[in-house]
Structure formats: structure tokens, C-alpha cells
């Protein structure tokens, strides 16, 4: 029987890398996207070409909307894993951040993912072992000036993981998160070369990370080889924050 995972944000840099790795591991996938339909379609085409025995479906839902989770839940079935890899960031001082900005961040990163997990929890519980994995952030651990509200919602994701891991453990669901540092994706292309070098100078390994490295850790966490682990926030940042 096929194993189905939902990748929220599959058209983003990390979400795409996670999708490609999980497909290679034998998972069939629901590939969620919001704005980038062409990239989602290209990802589906590439996965079908490389893994013809898999089942890969693209599904659309706007998580900035109140009904985003409900619409998504209506499109999936037999779910055994949920990977939350949504990538909406916000580089703004708090004094420049309005209530609409705050609402959008909260819905995308926390409210709709949590509601979606709640709605598909009967599907997760139907499996002896199931998985929920959040792609959090280093800023959810330590916070970032200029990204206060983004740091806040990522911190909320980390708190959700710790709390829900305890609640879901009795039904066999493992709940964990990866907190990446600087990963080379479109989200980080806004910064100048000089600003990027300032960051690299602070990283002990003297390099930034790549989406495939996040995907490798995600693969391990849903592989069955980490099943005695739940409620953990795993740092993946080259030693930048320990």
C-alpha cells in the first residue's frame, strides 16, 4: 500500500527539496501550493517521470484565508505524514508591521497548519505510526531584529510541536521540527552579498546551508529510524546558534 504525505508549501525551495527526497524514499505526495502553480506542476511532472509508481497530486489552498485549512483537508486522504514547509517571511520593523501583516503570518504559519492537522488527525491515527514535521526556524529559537513577527510565529510553531507531541503520542503520532539557520532559498535572496558575508562570518562552519540538507533530515525523521523521538526541535544551522 502507498504511504501518503502532505507537503505544505511544496513549491518553495525547502518544500520542493523535501518533496523530491520523500518521493525517492517511496512516499506518495499531496503537493500543496498557493501562488506558484507552474512550479508545482513542474515538480509533479518531474516526480512522476522519476518515480512512475508513485501517486503525486498537486492541491491548492490559500493559507492566508480563514478557510485555507478546511479547503485543503477536503482534498486529501489516507494521510500518514504532514510536513509544514510554508515559507512566507516578513522583513519589517515592528513599528512598520500592521495588523493585516500579523494576521497573514499567523494564519500561514500557525492557525491553518494547526487546524489542518486537527482535521486530518483521524487519518493520521488510522496508522500505527504517523508523522508531523514542522520546518521552523533559527529565529523561533533566538529571535531576529527586523523579523519580530516572523520570529514570533516560528516560536509558536516550536511551542505547538512540544505541546502536541505530548497530546498525540498516545495515538502513535510523532511530532517534531527542524529549525534551519541560513538556507539558500529565494527567501534569502533579498539580502546583499555584503550582508550575507556578515552572516557567514558568524557561522562556525563558515557556510550557508542548502534545501537538500533540510530534506535529508526530514527524510530521517519520517523514515521510522527516529520513532523514539517526539517533541524535538532539531537545530540545523552550521553551529550559528547552539
Protein backbone atom coordinates (compact mmCIF):
# COMPACT_ATOMS: atom_id res chain seq x y z
CA UNK A 1 0.00 0.00 0.00
CA UNK A 2 1.13 3.53 -0.76
CA UNK A 3 2.19 5.87 2.05
CA UNK A 4 0.80 9.37 1.64
CA UNK A 5 2.38 12.56 2.94
CA UNK A 6 1.16 16.13 2.58
CA UNK A 7 3.86 18.73 1.96
CA UNK A 8 2.54 22.18 2.77
CA UNK A 9 4.46 24.71 0.70
CA UNK A 10 5.86 22.23 -1.80
CA UNK A 11 6.54 24.93 -4.39
CA UNK A 12 9.05 26.70 -2.11
CA UNK A 13 12.76 25.93 -2.02
CA UNK A 14 12.74 23.74 1.08
CA UNK A 15 9.32 22.27 0.35
CA UNK A 16 10.41 21.18 -3.12
CA UNK A 17 13.60 19.58 -1.82
CA UNK A 18 11.66 17.73 0.88
CA UNK A 19 9.13 16.54 -1.72
CA UNK A 20 11.84 15.21 -4.01
CA UNK A 21 13.53 13.34 -1.16
CA UNK A 22 10.31 11.84 0.23
CA UNK A 23 9.33 10.70 -3.26
CA UNK A 24 12.73 9.00 -3.56
CA UNK A 25 12.01 7.32 -0.20
CA UNK A 26 8.82 5.82 -1.60
CA UNK A 27 6.19 8.26 -0.33
CA UNK A 28 3.25 9.31 -2.46
CA UNK A 29 2.61 13.02 -2.05
CA UNK A 30 -0.01 15.71 -1.93
CA UNK A 31 1.89 18.76 -3.16
CA UNK A 32 0.33 21.89 -1.70
CA UNK A 33 0.88 25.29 -3.25
CA UNK A 34 -0.71 28.73 -3.13
CA UNK A 35 0.62 31.16 -5.75
CA UNK A 36 3.18 29.20 -7.78
CA UNK A 37 1.07 26.74 -9.77
CA UNK A 38 3.58 26.41 -12.61
CA UNK A 39 6.33 25.34 -10.22
CA UNK A 40 4.01 22.85 -8.54
CA UNK A 41 3.05 21.38 -11.92
CA UNK A 42 6.70 21.09 -12.93
CA UNK A 43 7.51 19.37 -9.64
CA UNK A 44 4.69 16.88 -10.17
CA UNK A 45 5.89 16.17 -13.72
CA UNK A 46 9.46 15.60 -12.54
CA UNK A 47 8.38 13.28 -9.73
CA UNK A 48 6.14 11.20 -11.98
CA UNK A 49 8.94 10.86 -14.51
CA UNK A 50 11.43 9.72 -11.89
CA UNK A 51 9.05 7.67 -9.73
CA UNK A 52 6.31 6.30 -12.03
CA UNK A 53 4.92 4.01 -9.33
CA UNK A 54 4.17 6.94 -7.02
CA UNK A 55 1.00 8.99 -6.77
CA UNK A 56 1.63 12.74 -6.85
CA UNK A 57 -1.21 15.22 -6.69
CA UNK A 58 -1.00 19.00 -6.58
CA UNK A 59 -3.52 20.70 -4.33
CA UNK A 60 -4.22 24.41 -3.98
CA UNK A 61 -5.16 26.36 -0.89
CA UNK A 62 -4.50 29.89 0.29
CA UNK A 63 -3.42 29.72 3.91
CA UNK A 64 -3.75 33.48 4.34
CA UNK A 65 -7.52 32.88 4.23
CA UNK A 66 -9.60 31.69 7.16
CA UNK A 67 -10.90 28.66 5.22
CA UNK A 68 -7.47 27.60 3.92
CA UNK A 69 -7.14 24.52 6.13
CA UNK A 70 -10.70 23.33 5.50
CA UNK A 71 -10.31 23.55 1.72
CA UNK A 72 -7.07 21.63 1.85
CA UNK A 73 -8.36 18.91 4.15
CA UNK A 74 -11.21 18.22 1.72
CA UNK A 75 -8.68 17.28 -0.98
CA UNK A 76 -6.58 14.65 0.82
CA UNK A 77 -6.99 11.08 2.06
CA UNK A 78 -5.04 8.26 3.74
CA UNK A 79 -2.54 10.78 5.14
CA UNK A 80 0.28 9.29 7.23
CA UNK A 81 2.59 12.31 7.37
CA UNK A 82 2.28 16.10 7.28
CA UNK A 83 5.28 18.30 6.55
CA UNK A 84 4.74 22.02 7.18
CA UNK A 85 7.26 23.81 4.95
CA UNK A 86 5.47 27.12 4.41
CA UNK A 87 7.91 29.91 3.60
CA UNK A 88 6.23 33.29 3.99
CA UNK A 89 8.67 35.67 5.65
CA UNK A 90 8.41 39.33 6.64
CA UNK A 91 11.38 41.69 6.84
CA UNK A 92 9.85 44.63 8.70
CA UNK A 93 10.42 46.56 11.87
CA UNK A 94 7.62 46.00 14.35
CA UNK A 95 6.62 49.68 14.03
CA UNK A 96 6.09 49.11 10.27
CA UNK A 97 4.06 45.92 10.74
CA UNK A 98 0.29 46.36 10.64
CA UNK A 99 -2.48 44.08 11.86
CA UNK A 100 -3.08 42.65 8.38
CA UNK A 101 0.57 41.61 8.19
CA UNK A 102 0.29 39.98 11.59
CA UNK A 103 -2.93 38.15 10.69
CA UNK A 104 -1.43 36.79 7.48
CA UNK A 105 1.70 35.49 9.22
CA UNK A 106 -0.34 33.86 11.99
CA UNK A 107 -2.70 32.13 9.58
CA UNK A 108 0.04 30.88 7.24
CA UNK A 109 2.48 29.61 9.84
CA UNK A 110 0.29 28.57 12.75
CA UNK A 111 -3.51 28.80 12.59
CA UNK A 112 -4.15 26.99 9.31
CA UNK A 113 -1.42 24.35 9.76
CA UNK A 114 -2.75 23.54 13.24
CA UNK A 115 -6.34 23.39 12.00
CA UNK A 116 -5.33 21.23 9.04
CA UNK A 117 -3.55 18.81 11.37
CA UNK A 118 -6.66 18.69 13.54
CA UNK A 119 -8.88 17.95 10.54
CA UNK A 120 -6.68 15.12 9.22
CA UNK A 121 -5.87 13.67 12.63
CA UNK A 122 -8.35 10.79 12.15
CA UNK A 123 -6.35 9.81 9.05
CA UNK A 124 -3.07 10.04 10.97
CA UNK A 125 -4.48 7.95 13.82
CA UNK A 126 -5.53 5.21 11.40
CA UNK A 127 -1.85 4.28 11.02
CA UNK A 128 0.15 2.58 13.80
CA UNK A 129 2.82 5.27 13.36
CA UNK A 130 2.37 8.68 11.73
CA UNK A 131 4.38 11.88 11.50
CA UNK A 132 4.02 15.63 11.76
CA UNK A 133 7.09 17.69 10.90
CA UNK A 134 7.36 21.46 11.01
CA UNK A 135 10.12 23.36 9.25
CA UNK A 136 10.60 26.01 11.90
CA UNK A 137 13.46 28.49 12.05
CA UNK A 138 16.53 29.54 13.99
CA UNK A 139 14.55 32.73 14.69
CA UNK A 140 11.93 30.70 16.50
CA UNK A 141 14.70 29.78 18.95
CA UNK A 142 16.57 33.05 19.35
CA UNK A 143 14.59 35.82 17.60
CA UNK A 144 15.71 38.33 14.98
CA UNK A 145 15.58 42.11 14.92
CA UNK A 146 13.74 43.23 11.80
CA UNK A 147 11.78 39.97 11.76
CA UNK A 148 9.99 40.19 15.08
CA UNK A 149 6.61 38.86 13.97
CA UNK A 150 8.18 36.14 11.81
CA UNK A 151 10.24 35.09 14.84
CA UNK A 152 7.06 35.10 16.94
CA UNK A 153 5.11 32.75 14.66
CA UNK A 154 8.09 30.43 14.29
CA UNK A 155 8.38 30.35 18.07
CA UNK A 156 4.69 29.46 18.17
CA UNK A 157 5.36 26.55 15.81
CA UNK A 158 8.06 25.27 18.14
CA UNK A 159 5.73 25.54 21.14
CA UNK A 160 2.98 23.72 19.20
CA UNK A 161 5.38 20.86 18.43
CA UNK A 162 6.30 20.43 22.08
CA UNK A 163 2.70 20.51 23.27
CA UNK A 164 1.07 18.46 20.52
CA UNK A 165 3.80 15.81 20.73
CA UNK A 166 2.54 15.01 24.23
CA UNK A 167 -1.10 15.00 23.18
CA UNK A 168 -0.63 12.92 20.02
CA UNK A 169 1.87 10.39 21.41
CA UNK A 170 -0.86 8.07 22.66
CA UNK A 171 -2.12 7.57 19.11
CA UNK A 172 1.31 6.85 17.63
CA UNK A 173 1.91 10.25 16.02
CA UNK A 174 5.44 11.63 16.24
CA UNK A 175 5.63 15.44 16.19
CA UNK A 176 8.98 17.14 15.59
CA UNK A 177 10.50 20.22 13.97
CA UNK A 178 13.65 21.26 12.16
CA UNK A 179 14.93 24.75 12.92
CA UNK A 180 17.18 25.70 9.97
CA UNK A 181 19.61 28.58 10.01
CA UNK A 182 20.55 30.30 6.76
CA UNK A 183 19.37 28.10 3.87
CA UNK A 184 19.97 29.14 0.26
CA UNK A 185 16.40 29.77 -0.94
CA UNK A 186 14.50 32.61 -2.61
CA UNK A 187 13.57 33.93 0.85
CA UNK A 188 17.19 34.93 1.48
CA UNK A 189 17.88 36.46 -1.92
CA UNK A 190 16.73 39.89 -0.74
CA UNK A 191 19.94 40.48 1.23
CA UNK A 192 23.09 41.90 -0.33
CA UNK A 193 26.33 39.96 -0.78
CA UNK A 194 27.92 42.05 1.98
CA UNK A 195 25.07 41.31 4.40
CA UNK A 196 25.29 37.62 3.55
CA UNK A 197 29.03 37.62 4.24
CA UNK A 198 28.41 39.21 7.64
CA UNK A 199 26.19 36.24 8.47
CA UNK A 200 28.66 33.65 7.17
CA UNK A 201 31.34 35.19 9.35
CA UNK A 202 29.20 34.33 12.39
CA UNK A 203 28.67 30.66 11.40
CA UNK A 204 31.34 28.29 12.76
CA UNK A 205 31.17 26.05 9.69
CA UNK A 206 31.68 29.19 7.54
CA UNK A 207 28.98 28.29 5.05
CA UNK A 208 25.27 28.53 4.48
CA UNK A 209 23.02 25.50 4.17
CA UNK A 210 21.09 24.07 1.24
CA UNK A 211 17.49 22.84 0.95
CA UNK A 212 18.70 19.29 0.30
CA UNK A 213 20.31 19.21 3.74
CA UNK A 214 16.98 20.07 5.34
CA UNK A 215 15.36 17.38 3.18
CA UNK A 216 17.86 14.77 4.34
CA UNK A 217 16.97 15.43 7.98
CA UNK A 218 13.26 15.47 7.19
CA UNK A 219 13.66 12.11 5.46
CA UNK A 220 15.28 10.64 8.56
CA UNK A 221 12.56 11.93 10.88
CA UNK A 222 9.75 10.26 8.91
CA UNK A 223 11.70 7.13 7.95
CA UNK A 224 10.93 5.01 11.00
CA UNK A 225 14.53 5.32 12.19
CA UNK A 226 13.69 8.16 14.59
CA UNK A 227 10.49 6.77 16.08
CA UNK A 228 11.63 7.14 19.70
CA UNK A 229 11.90 10.88 19.13
CA UNK A 230 8.98 13.27 19.55
CA UNK A 231 8.58 16.87 20.65
CA UNK A 232 12.08 17.83 19.49
CA UNK A 233 13.26 20.98 17.72
CA UNK A 234 16.39 19.94 15.80
CA UNK A 235 18.85 22.74 15.01
CA UNK A 236 20.37 22.73 11.53
CA UNK A 237 22.45 25.88 11.31
CA UNK A 238 26.18 25.12 10.99
CA UNK A 239 26.75 25.99 14.63
CA UNK A 240 25.35 29.52 14.22
CA UNK A 241 23.07 29.08 17.25
CA UNK A 242 23.71 26.21 19.66
